[in-house]
C-alpha cells in the first residue's frame, strides 16, 4: 500500500483532556508510517501527560510556551505553521475548540493554528453534555466553515460505533482519516476510477452445493486498497471473499456467480479508466440448477453437464477497442508452459499487460498472504521475487499508473 504519510510533517496539538494519553498511540502510529511529528501542548495538557514522554516518542523537544528560555529565545508559531503539512489537534477540549473558532490566541497551540497554511484536523474530546451544548456545536460548525476537518466517532466511512459522541476518536482511525485525505489529494491515481474484480465465483448445482475454487480475494482486495491509497475511486466487484479493504472504496458490488460478475463488471467498466481482473471466475457452470437438493440415493452414478460462462476479460477487451484511453489488466494462474499461455491470453483478450503467477512457485497463488508474479506486456516480461500481496499490489499499480499516464 502506498505510504502517503511517509515524510509528512505533522504538528500535533495536545490539550488538557483525560484523553491526552491517546496522543502517545497517535504519535507512535504516525512515526511508524514515516511522518515527522512536532508536539505543541497547552499548559493544561501538561497536567495530563508529561512532555518528556512525548519528546521521547517524537525525538523532538515539546513546544508549550512562546519563550523557550528567559534569554529571549522564542518559538515561532509562524514558522511552525508554515513547516507543517498537516496540523492535528487531538484531543481537542471544548475550551480549545472555542478559542480556535473565535481566534482567541492566548497560547502557543492556538497561535500556531491561526498561522497554519496546511489542512487542520480536530478530534474533539469531552463529556457528552459539553459536546452536546449549543455553544460547542456552534464552535464546531464555525471550524467546519473555516475548512477544518472535524474527526469524530462515526465520521464518514470510519464509524467506530463502540465509541460515543464526545469521546476522542481512536488513534488508528485518525491516522486512517489522514491517509485517506492525502491519498485523495496527492496520489498518482487521483481523479482515476479503477475497477477491480476479486475472489471466486460460486456456480450452483442445487440449493446447497456449488462449483467453486480456493480463491480468498486477498490479492484483489490488496489491489483495491493500493489503488484507493493512491487517490483512485475504486469499484470492487467481488465474489464471496475472506478479506476486507482497509480503505473505504467508491463502490463495492458483491456477487456470487460468474454471470453476476460479468454483468457487474461490464456495467462498471463503462465509468472506469482501468480494470484489474483478479477474480478467479469459473470457466464452466452447471447447465441446469436443481431446485431441490440432489439425493445420493436418487442418483447412483452422477454426471453434471456444464456450459461455458461468459468471458469477462474478452468482453471488456472488446469494449476497450472503442475507448483508446482505457487500460485493461488481466491475471493468469498457470501450471504448465506459463509464459506462453499468459502471452496468448494477453493478445486474445486485448489486455495492456497481464500478471502471471504459477502454482509451481511456493507461496504463490490461492490462500497465501504472499505472491510471486511476472508482468508481461508486448515489450517483454518482468519477474518479481516472492513478496507480500500488499507489496505485489504496489508493483502492479506502479505499472498501471505508467500505462495510464502514457495513454493520457
Foldseek 3Di string as FASTA:
>chain_A
DDLLLAAFEEEEEEEQDLCSVLVLVLLQVSVVSHYQYAYEYEPNRCVNPPQVSVCVSRVDRHHWAQAPDPPPHGDDLLVVQDRGQEYEYPADELVNLLCLLVVVPPISVSSNVVNHPHAYEYFYADDPVSCPDPVSVVSVVSCVVVVHHYDFAPPDPLHPPVDDTRHGDRSVSVVLVVLLVSLQVPALCNPFEEEEEFEWAWFAQEPPHTDIDQAQRLLRLLLQQVNSSRNYQYEYEYEHHDDDHPHDHNYYHYDHALQVSLVVLVVSLVRGQEYEYPYPHDQKHFPDHHHHDDDCVVQPDDDTDIDGGDDNLQVVLVVCVVPVLHAYEYEDEEAPPFVVVLVVCCVNSVHQKYKYFYPVDPQDDGPHQKHWIWIDGPVGIRGDDIDGSSVVSVVVVVVVSVSNVVSD
